[in-house]
Protein backbone atom coordinates (compact mmCIF):
# COMPACT_ATOMS: atom_id res chain seq x y z
CA MET A 1 -19.59 146.95 -16.34
CA ILE A 2 -17.64 147.08 -13.11
CA TRP A 3 -20.28 149.29 -11.53
CA LEU A 4 -23.02 146.84 -12.51
CA ILE A 5 -20.96 144.03 -11.00
CA THR A 6 -20.30 145.95 -7.79
CA SER A 7 -24.04 146.55 -7.47
CA GLY A 8 -24.78 142.83 -7.47
CA HIS A 9 -24.80 141.56 -11.06
CA ASN A 10 -22.43 138.80 -12.02
CA ALA A 11 -20.15 139.48 -14.97
CA GLU A 12 -22.32 137.59 -17.44
CA ASP A 13 -25.58 139.25 -16.28
CA ALA A 14 -23.99 142.72 -16.37
CA LYS A 15 -23.36 142.25 -20.06
CA GLU A 16 -27.12 142.25 -20.80
CA PRO A 17 -27.88 145.94 -20.14
CA ALA A 18 -24.50 147.08 -21.47
CA GLN A 19 -24.89 145.41 -24.84
CA HIS A 20 -27.94 147.56 -25.60
CA HIS A 21 -25.89 150.77 -25.45
CA PRO A 22 -24.88 152.10 -28.89
CA ALA A 23 -21.25 152.57 -27.85
CA TRP A 24 -21.04 148.94 -26.75
CA GLN A 25 -22.60 147.78 -30.01
CA ALA A 26 -20.13 149.83 -32.06
CA ALA A 27 -17.03 148.77 -30.15
CA PRO A 28 -14.93 145.96 -31.60
CA GLU A 29 -14.60 142.95 -29.27
CA PRO A 30 -10.80 143.38 -28.93
CA ALA A 31 -11.37 146.96 -27.75
CA ILE A 32 -13.79 145.80 -25.06
CA ASP A 33 -11.29 143.14 -24.01
CA ALA A 34 -8.51 145.73 -23.80
CA PHE A 35 -10.72 148.09 -21.80
CA SER A 36 -11.65 145.37 -19.32
CA HIS A 37 -7.97 144.58 -18.76
CA ALA A 38 -7.13 148.28 -18.43
CA GLN A 39 -9.81 148.58 -15.75
CA LEU A 40 -8.28 145.61 -13.95
CA ARG A 41 -4.81 147.18 -13.99
CA LEU A 42 -6.22 150.54 -12.84
CA TRP A 43 -8.13 149.11 -9.88
CA ASP A 44 -5.27 146.81 -8.95
CA SER A 45 -2.98 149.84 -8.68
CA ILE A 46 -5.59 151.75 -6.65
CA ALA A 47 -6.05 148.80 -4.26
CA ARG A 48 -2.27 148.56 -3.82
CA ALA A 49 -1.91 152.26 -2.92
CA ASP A 50 -1.02 153.30 0.59
CA ASP A 51 -4.07 152.94 2.81
CA PRO A 52 -6.76 152.45 0.12
CA ASP A 53 -10.42 152.73 1.02
CA GLU A 54 -12.19 149.41 1.52
CA TRP A 55 -14.45 149.96 -1.51
CA ALA A 56 -11.36 149.85 -3.75
CA TYR A 57 -11.12 146.11 -3.05
CA VAL A 58 -14.78 145.66 -4.01
CA VAL A 59 -14.20 147.44 -7.32
CA LEU A 60 -11.00 145.45 -7.88
CA ALA A 61 -12.97 142.22 -7.42
CA ALA A 62 -15.53 143.45 -9.96
CA ALA A 63 -12.81 144.41 -12.45
CA THR A 64 -11.20 141.01 -11.96
CA ALA A 65 -14.53 139.27 -12.60
CA TRP A 66 -15.12 141.28 -15.78
CA ALA A 67 -11.59 140.79 -17.15
CA THR A 68 -11.84 137.05 -16.42
CA GLN A 69 -15.21 136.85 -18.17
CA ARG A 70 -13.73 138.64 -21.22
CA GLN A 71 -10.96 136.04 -21.63
């Protein structure tokens, strides 16, 4: 999801191709919610590291958008 968002999809549109994947279809909604929030925490910690690359902020914004959409 975050890679679809970083490539230009919004969080809602990124859900369309993902929901056709068997793993997505099999995953319980609470598990997807938990994963989106784990991604947010991961990318937040990467963006807060000493001297992070600029793309880390782009991925953090995508993870934030996805976690917000999952709420």
